[in-house]
Structure formats: C-alpha cells, structure tokens
C-alpha cells in the first residue's frame, strides 16, 4: 500500500467531528494529551509533574511523578458531543462525508458544559485504580469541540466547583490547540470531601 493510500484509509477511519486526536492508538492519544498538558504547565511556569508514561494497568490511563517524586495517576477523557459524532457519522455512511458547512455542530451552554464536566469527573472518581498506591488521582479532560469559545468556557468553569469526590485530587480542562499559544489548560476547582 502506498503512502497516499494509507493516508486516505486513515482519513476514512477518522471520525468527522472534532477529529484532532483521532490518529494512533488509544494509549498514544492518552499519553499525548497528558504531554500536552504538562508542556502547557511548563510554558506557564506551573510545572507540577514529570516523566509521563502509559500505566501498565488500566485504570489509570497514564502515570507521572509529582513535584515530590510521588506517583500520580491520570485518567484522560474527552469532552465531546456524542450526538454530533453519531449524526455526522450517519451522514457520512449514507452519502460520503458531507461538506463542512453541512455538518452538525454542538452548541454548548454554561449548564450543559458544567453538567457534562460533572458527569465525566464522577465517572472517573468511581473507577478502581490499579497499580498504586498513588499520591494523586488526576483527571485531564481534553476537547476539540469546534464551537466552544475558550473565553466563555474559562469563565463558566472558573465559576463552578465540582465534587466532592472520594478519590480525585485534581482535574484539568485542556483546550484545543491554538497557533502561537499551544494547548491552554485550566485547573478545575474540586470541593473537599
């Protein structure tokens, strides 16, 4: 198979909606998300973790060392509209990929965004983490939602608090890539148990 044929096959396998991180394996995607977060932290002068790698057990998806040299567990999850994914994929299967201006795009309100983030965090808090002990349990929520406006989301998330949780000690929201800025992130406020 030629390189052109391989790239064409990859494009057909990739989803149409919010596809930024759709290449490679699940593990590669998760590790790249964590690396992008850590690179953003380093760029902002708030580096807290080092030596990111895939976890030999799942969950967690990844592990790293915190600033004290202790093991931290990371669960990686995506903030995306499953409805938009399904509608766009159905349109592709019926007549090929629809033009970009005919694709369905999710619209998010403060309530729907905070509700989805709450659900994602709750699901990760309920997992049984293997391979510990872990000094921290951290969730990284990444997004490539096309209609999210970062300034709005930053405000909505800064006004919200989540939890309390039994296991989670930290959570971050990782925004889409922006030229000359890279991946911006926001720490989520978790209520103490």
C-alpha atoms as a PDB file:
ATOM      1  CA  UNK A   1       0.000   0.000   0.000  1.00  0.00           C
ATOM      2  CA  UNK A   2       1.377   3.405  -0.963  1.00  0.00           C
ATOM      3  CA  UNK A   3       1.656   6.298   1.477  1.00  0.00           C
ATOM      4  CA  UNK A   4      -1.181   8.070  -0.325  1.00  0.00           C
ATOM      5  CA  UNK A   5      -3.411   5.004   0.042  1.00  0.00           C
ATOM      6  CA  UNK A   6      -2.511   4.672   3.736  1.00  0.00           C
ATOM      7  CA  UNK A   7      -3.320   8.341   4.400  1.00  0.00           C
ATOM      8  CA  UNK A   8      -6.592   8.006   2.518  1.00  0.00           C
ATOM      9  CA  UNK A   9      -7.514   4.926   4.587  1.00  0.00           C
ATOM     10  CA  UNK A  10      -6.636   6.795   7.797  1.00  0.00           C
ATOM     11  CA  UNK A  11      -8.873   9.705   6.762  1.00  0.00           C
ATOM     12  CA  UNK A  12     -11.784   7.307   6.124  1.00  0.00           C
ATOM     13  CA  UNK A  13     -11.322   5.709   9.584  1.00  0.00           C
ATOM     14  CA  UNK A  14     -11.102   9.028  11.425  1.00  0.00           C
ATOM     15  CA  UNK A  15     -14.335  10.484  12.657  1.00  0.00           C
ATOM     16  CA  UNK A  16     -15.658  13.655  11.054  1.00  0.00           C
ATOM     17  CA  UNK A  17     -16.494  15.577  14.213  1.00  0.00           C
ATOM     18  CA  UNK A  18     -13.763  17.010  16.479  1.00  0.00           C
ATOM     19  CA  UNK A  19     -11.143  14.688  14.951  1.00  0.00           C
ATOM     20  CA  UNK A  20      -7.933  16.371  16.156  1.00  0.00           C
ATOM     21  CA  UNK A  21      -6.680  13.445  18.254  1.00  0.00           C
ATOM     22  CA  UNK A  22      -8.133  10.596  16.239  1.00  0.00           C
ATOM     23  CA  UNK A  23      -4.892   9.132  14.849  1.00  0.00           C
ATOM     24  CA  UNK A  24      -2.959   6.353  16.559  1.00  0.00           C
ATOM     25  CA  UNK A  25      -3.938   4.031  19.353  1.00  0.00           C
ATOM     26  CA  UNK A  26      -5.966   4.880  22.450  1.00  0.00           C
ATOM     27  CA  UNK A  27      -2.817   4.769  24.560  1.00  0.00           C
ATOM     28  CA  UNK A  28      -0.910   7.071  22.196  1.00  0.00           C
ATOM     29  CA  UNK A  29      -3.788   9.545  22.292  1.00  0.00           C
ATOM     30  CA  UNK A  30      -3.968   9.491  26.103  1.00  0.00           C
ATOM     31  CA  UNK A  31      -0.229   9.955  26.549  1.00  0.00           C
ATOM     32  CA  UNK A  32      -0.149  12.823  24.039  1.00  0.00           C
ATOM     33  CA  UNK A  33      -2.973  14.579  25.916  1.00  0.00           C
ATOM     34  CA  UNK A  34      -1.022  14.300  29.158  1.00  0.00           C
ATOM     35  CA  UNK A  35       2.182  15.504  27.486  1.00  0.00           C
ATOM     36  CA  UNK A  36       0.321  18.489  26.012  1.00  0.00           C
ATOM     37  CA  UNK A  37      -0.977  19.399  29.481  1.00  0.00           C
ATOM     38  CA  UNK A  38       2.486  19.103  31.041  1.00  0.00           C
ATOM     39  CA  UNK A  39       4.013  21.168  28.239  1.00  0.00           C
ATOM     40  CA  UNK A  40       1.382  23.858  28.858  1.00  0.00           C
ATOM     41  CA  UNK A  41       2.165  23.795  32.593  1.00  0.00           C
ATOM     42  CA  UNK A  42       5.863  24.149  31.904  1.00  0.00           C
ATOM     43  CA  UNK A  43       5.247  27.034  29.488  1.00  0.00           C
ATOM     44  CA  UNK A  44       3.141  28.793  32.150  1.00  0.00           C
ATOM     45  CA  UNK A  45       5.732  28.231  34.870  1.00  0.00           C
ATOM     46  CA  UNK A  46       3.493  25.880  36.830  1.00  0.00           C
ATOM     47  CA  UNK A  47       5.118  22.513  36.077  1.00  0.00           C
ATOM     48  CA  UNK A  48       3.882  20.012  38.657  1.00  0.00           C
ATOM     49  CA  UNK A  49       4.532  16.620  37.039  1.00  0.00           C
ATOM     50  CA  UNK A  50       7.319  14.865  35.169  1.00  0.00           C
ATOM     51  CA  UNK A  51       8.133  11.584  33.453  1.00  0.00           C
ATOM     52  CA  UNK A  52       4.681  10.930  31.943  1.00  0.00           C
ATOM     53  CA  UNK A  53       4.106   7.420  30.650  1.00  0.00           C
ATOM     54  CA  UNK A  54       1.346   4.937  29.971  1.00  0.00           C
ATOM     55  CA  UNK A  55       0.261   2.987  33.007  1.00  0.00           C
ATOM     56  CA  UNK A  56       0.947  -0.755  32.903  1.00  0.00           C
ATOM     57  CA  UNK A  57      -2.556  -1.176  34.367  1.00  0.00           C
ATOM     58  CA  UNK A  58      -5.798   0.437  33.232  1.00  0.00           C
ATOM     59  CA  UNK A  59      -7.144   2.413  35.001  1.00  0.00           C
ATOM     60  CA  UNK A  60      -5.281   4.715  35.285  1.00  0.00           C
ATOM     61  CA  UNK A  61      -4.530   5.589  31.677  1.00  0.00           C
ATOM     62  CA  UNK A  62      -1.191   7.250  32.484  1.00  0.00           C
ATOM     63  CA  UNK A  63       1.128   7.864  35.392  1.00  0.00           C
ATOM     64  CA  UNK A  64       3.720  10.535  36.189  1.00  0.00           C
ATOM     65  CA  UNK A  65       5.725  11.795  39.114  1.00  0.00           C
ATOM     66  CA  UNK A  66       4.502  14.797  41.080  1.00  0.00           C
ATOM     67  CA  UNK A  67       6.807  17.545  42.345  1.00  0.00           C
ATOM     68  CA  UNK A  68       7.614  15.452  45.447  1.00  0.00           C
ATOM     69  CA  UNK A  69       8.627  12.449  43.333  1.00  0.00           C
ATOM     70  CA  UNK A  70       5.450  10.547  44.239  1.00  0.00           C
ATOM     71  CA  UNK A  71       3.402   8.561  41.746  1.00  0.00           C
ATOM     72  CA  UNK A  72       0.314  10.303  40.339  1.00  0.00           C
ATOM     73  CA  UNK A  73      -2.457   8.526  38.435  1.00  0.00           C
ATOM     74  CA  UNK A  74      -4.029  10.220  35.398  1.00  0.00           C
ATOM     75  CA  UNK A  75      -7.301   9.417  33.715  1.00  0.00           C
ATOM     76  CA  UNK A  76      -7.729  11.037  30.298  1.00  0.00           C
ATOM     77  CA  UNK A  77     -11.186  11.728  28.901  1.00  0.00           C
ATOM     78  CA  UNK A  78     -12.657  13.727  26.048  1.00  0.00           C
ATOM     79  CA  UNK A  79     -15.247  16.487  26.238  1.00  0.00           C
ATOM     80  CA  UNK A  80     -17.205  15.997  23.018  1.00  0.00           C
ATOM     81  CA  UNK A  81     -20.792  15.775  21.854  1.00  0.00           C
ATOM     82  CA  UNK A  82     -21.540  12.107  21.262  1.00  0.00           C
ATOM     83  CA  UNK A  83     -24.757  13.140  19.480  1.00  0.00           C
ATOM     84  CA  UNK A  84     -22.817  15.296  16.987  1.00  0.00           C
ATOM     85  CA  UNK A  85     -20.362  12.452  16.368  1.00  0.00           C
ATOM     86  CA  UNK A  86     -23.170   9.989  15.657  1.00  0.00           C
ATOM     87  CA  UNK A  87     -25.194  12.332  13.427  1.00  0.00           C
ATOM     88  CA  UNK A  88     -22.151  13.238  11.327  1.00  0.00           C
ATOM     89  CA  UNK A  89     -21.013   9.625  11.021  1.00  0.00           C
ATOM     90  CA  UNK A  90     -24.501   8.558   9.932  1.00  0.00           C
ATOM     91  CA  UNK A  91     -24.490  11.278   7.258  1.00  0.00           C
ATOM     92  CA  UNK A  92     -21.097  10.034   6.058  1.00  0.00           C
ATOM     93  CA  UNK A  93     -22.232   6.420   5.854  1.00  0.00           C
ATOM     94  CA  UNK A  94     -25.278   7.378   3.784  1.00  0.00           C
ATOM     95  CA  UNK A  95     -23.636   9.611   1.191  1.00  0.00           C
ATOM     96  CA  UNK A  96     -19.947  10.074   1.941  1.00  0.00           C
ATOM     97  CA  UNK A  97     -18.530  12.871   4.046  1.00  0.00           C
ATOM     98  CA  UNK A  98     -20.832  15.902   3.996  1.00  0.00           C
ATOM     99  CA  UNK A  99     -19.209  19.275   3.278  1.00  0.00           C
ATOM    100  CA  UNK A 100     -18.052  21.112   6.394  1.00  0.00           C
ATOM    101  CA  UNK A 101     -20.863  23.664   6.142  1.00  0.00           C
ATOM    102  CA  UNK A 102     -23.443  20.849   6.261  1.00  0.00           C
ATOM    103  CA  UNK A 103     -22.084  19.064   9.324  1.00  0.00           C
ATOM    104  CA  UNK A 104     -23.867  19.181  12.654  1.00  0.00           C
ATOM    105  CA  UNK A 105     -22.045  21.183  15.322  1.00  0.00           C
ATOM    106  CA  UNK A 106     -22.915  21.003  19.013  1.00  0.00           C
ATOM    107  CA  UNK A 107     -23.838  24.214  20.809  1.00  0.00           C
ATOM    108  CA  UNK A 108     -22.940  24.359  24.479  1.00  0.00           C
ATOM    109  CA  UNK A 109     -24.454  26.458  27.248  1.00  0.00           C
ATOM    110  CA  UNK A 110     -22.980  27.020  30.696  1.00  0.00           C
ATOM    111  CA  UNK A 111     -25.384  24.434  32.128  1.00  0.00           C
ATOM    112  CA  UNK A 112     -24.725  21.759  29.510  1.00  0.00           C
ATOM    113  CA  UNK A 113     -20.945  22.228  29.706  1.00  0.00           C
ATOM    114  CA  UNK A 114     -20.792  22.128  33.514  1.00  0.00           C
ATOM    115  CA  UNK A 115     -23.196  19.167  33.531  1.00  0.00           C
ATOM    116  CA  UNK A 116     -21.032  17.174  31.127  1.00  0.00           C
ATOM    117  CA  UNK A 117     -17.825  18.005  33.022  1.00  0.00           C
ATOM    118  CA  UNK A 118     -19.546  16.919  36.253  1.00  0.00           C
ATOM    119  CA  UNK A 119     -20.564  13.598  34.673  1.00  0.00           C
ATOM    120  CA  UNK A 120     -17.052  12.960  33.322  1.00  0.00           C
ATOM    121  CA  UNK A 121     -15.447  13.648  36.709  1.00  0.00           C
ATOM    122  CA  UNK A 122     -17.981  11.500  38.549  1.00  0.00           C
ATOM    123  CA  UNK A 123     -17.325   8.550  36.198  1.00  0.00           C
ATOM    124  CA  UNK A 124     -13.561   8.810  36.753  1.00  0.00           C
ATOM    125  CA  UNK A 125     -13.971   9.057  40.536  1.00  0.00           C
ATOM    126  CA  UNK A 126     -15.857   5.744  40.565  1.00  0.00           C
ATOM    127  CA  UNK A 127     -13.067   3.763  38.876  1.00  0.00           C
ATOM    128  CA  UNK A 128     -10.882   1.317  40.746  1.00  0.00           C
ATOM    129  CA  UNK A 129      -7.315   2.472  40.150  1.00  0.00           C
ATOM    130  CA  UNK A 130      -4.779  -0.331  39.776  1.00  0.00           C
ATOM    131  CA  UNK A 131      -1.031  -0.390  40.384  1.00  0.00           C
ATOM    132  CA  UNK A 132      -0.858   2.164  43.195  1.00  0.00           C
ATOM    133  CA  UNK A 133      -0.532   3.465  45.745  1.00  0.00           C
ATOM    134  CA  UNK A 134      -0.966   6.889  44.173  1.00  0.00           C
ATOM    135  CA  UNK A 135      -0.343  10.198  45.894  1.00  0.00           C
ATOM    136  CA  UNK A 136      -2.767  11.882  43.491  1.00  0.00           C
ATOM    137  CA  UNK A 137      -5.667  10.914  41.214  1.00  0.00           C
ATOM    138  CA  UNK A 138      -5.979  13.457  38.411  1.00  0.00           C
ATOM    139  CA  UNK A 139      -8.407  13.752  35.503  1.00  0.00           C
ATOM    140  CA  UNK A 140      -7.492  15.525  32.275  1.00  0.00           C
ATOM    141  CA  UNK A 141     -10.490  16.496  30.144  1.00  0.00           C
ATOM    142  CA  UNK A 142      -9.451  17.480  26.634  1.00  0.00           C
ATOM    143  CA  UNK A 143     -11.595  18.990  23.920  1.00  0.00           C
ATOM    144  CA  UNK A 144     -11.602  19.868  20.248  1.00  0.00           C
ATOM    145  CA  UNK A 145     -15.252  20.969  20.168  1.00  0.00           C
ATOM    146  CA  UNK A 146     -15.445  23.366  17.199  1.00  0.00           C
ATOM    147  CA  UNK A 147     -17.956  25.860  18.632  1.00  0.00           C
ATOM    148  CA  UNK A 148     -16.558  26.205  22.140  1.00  0.00           C
ATOM    149  CA  UNK A 149     -15.335  29.723  22.783  1.00  0.00           C
ATOM    150  CA  UNK A 150     -12.428  29.471  25.205  1.00  0.00           C
ATOM    151  CA  UNK A 151     -13.146  32.788  26.963  1.00  0.00           C
ATOM    152  CA  UNK A 152     -16.726  31.669  27.708  1.00  0.00           C
ATOM    153  CA  UNK A 153     -15.665  28.222  28.889  1.00  0.00           C
ATOM    154  CA  UNK A 154     -12.919  29.671  31.092  1.00  0.00           C
ATOM    155  CA  UNK A 155     -15.488  31.880  32.800  1.00  0.00           C
ATOM    156  CA  UNK A 156     -18.067  29.106  33.174  1.00  0.00           C
ATOM    157  CA  UNK A 157     -15.520  26.706  34.653  1.00  0.00           C
ATOM    158  CA  UNK A 158     -13.965  29.315  36.952  1.00  0.00           C
ATOM    159  CA  UNK A 159     -17.413  29.953  38.450  1.00  0.00           C
ATOM    160  CA  UNK A 160     -18.088  26.237  39.010  1.00  0.00           C
ATOM    161  CA  UNK A 161     -16.865  23.806  41.599  1.00  0.00           C
ATOM    162  CA  UNK A 162     -17.101  20.034  41.366  1.00  0.00           C
ATOM    163  CA  UNK A 163     -17.414  17.189  43.809  1.00  0.00           C
ATOM    164  CA  UNK A 164     -16.712  16.302  46.493  1.00  0.00           C
ATOM    165  CA  UNK A 165     -15.036  13.102  45.320  1.00  0.00           C
ATOM    166  CA  UNK A 166     -13.752  10.025  47.076  1.00  0.00           C
ATOM    167  CA  UNK A 167     -10.553   9.698  45.030  1.00  0.00           C
ATOM    168  CA  UNK A 168      -9.974  12.656  42.728  1.00  0.00           C
ATOM    169  CA  UNK A 169      -7.439  15.188  43.942  1.00  0.00           C
ATOM    170  CA  UNK A 170      -7.131  17.280  40.780  1.00  0.00           C
ATOM    171  CA  UNK A 171      -8.676  17.935  37.389  1.00  0.00           C
ATOM    172  CA  UNK A 172      -7.720  19.971  34.335  1.00  0.00           C
ATOM    173  CA  UNK A 173      -9.574  21.097  31.239  1.00  0.00           C
ATOM    174  CA  UNK A 174      -7.290  21.112  28.172  1.00  0.00           C
ATOM    175  CA  UNK A 175      -8.405  23.387  25.340  1.00  0.00           C
ATOM    176  CA  UNK A 176      -7.907  22.941  21.602  1.00  0.00           C
ATOM    177  CA  UNK A 177      -4.574  23.823  20.064  1.00  0.00           C
ATOM    178  CA  UNK A 178      -4.094  27.490  19.203  1.00  0.00           C
ATOM    179  CA  UNK A 179      -1.255  28.761  16.990  1.00  0.00           C
ATOM    180  CA  UNK A 180       1.383  30.746  18.913  1.00  0.00           C
ATOM    181  CA  UNK A 181      -0.184  29.562  22.179  1.00  0.00           C
ATOM    182  CA  UNK A 182      -0.194  25.779  22.058  1.00  0.00           C
ATOM    183  CA  UNK A 183      -2.575  23.954  24.375  1.00  0.00           C
ATOM    184  CA  UNK A 184      -4.064  26.116  27.102  1.00  0.00           C
ATOM    185  CA  UNK A 185      -5.441  24.483  30.215  1.00  0.00           C
ATOM    186  CA  UNK A 186      -7.499  25.357  33.240  1.00  0.00           C
ATOM    187  CA  UNK A 187      -7.418  23.801  36.678  1.00  0.00           C
ATOM    188  CA  UNK A 188     -10.889  22.794  37.876  1.00  0.00           C
ATOM    189  CA  UNK A 189     -11.918  23.587  41.428  1.00  0.00           C
ATOM    190  CA  UNK A 190     -12.766  20.431  43.363  1.00  0.00           C
ATOM    191  CA  UNK A 191     -14.693  20.686  46.625  1.00  0.00           C
ATOM    192  CA  UNK A 192     -13.149  18.909  49.610  1.00  0.00           C
ATOM    193  CA  UNK A 193     -14.915  15.801  50.903  1.00  0.00           C
END
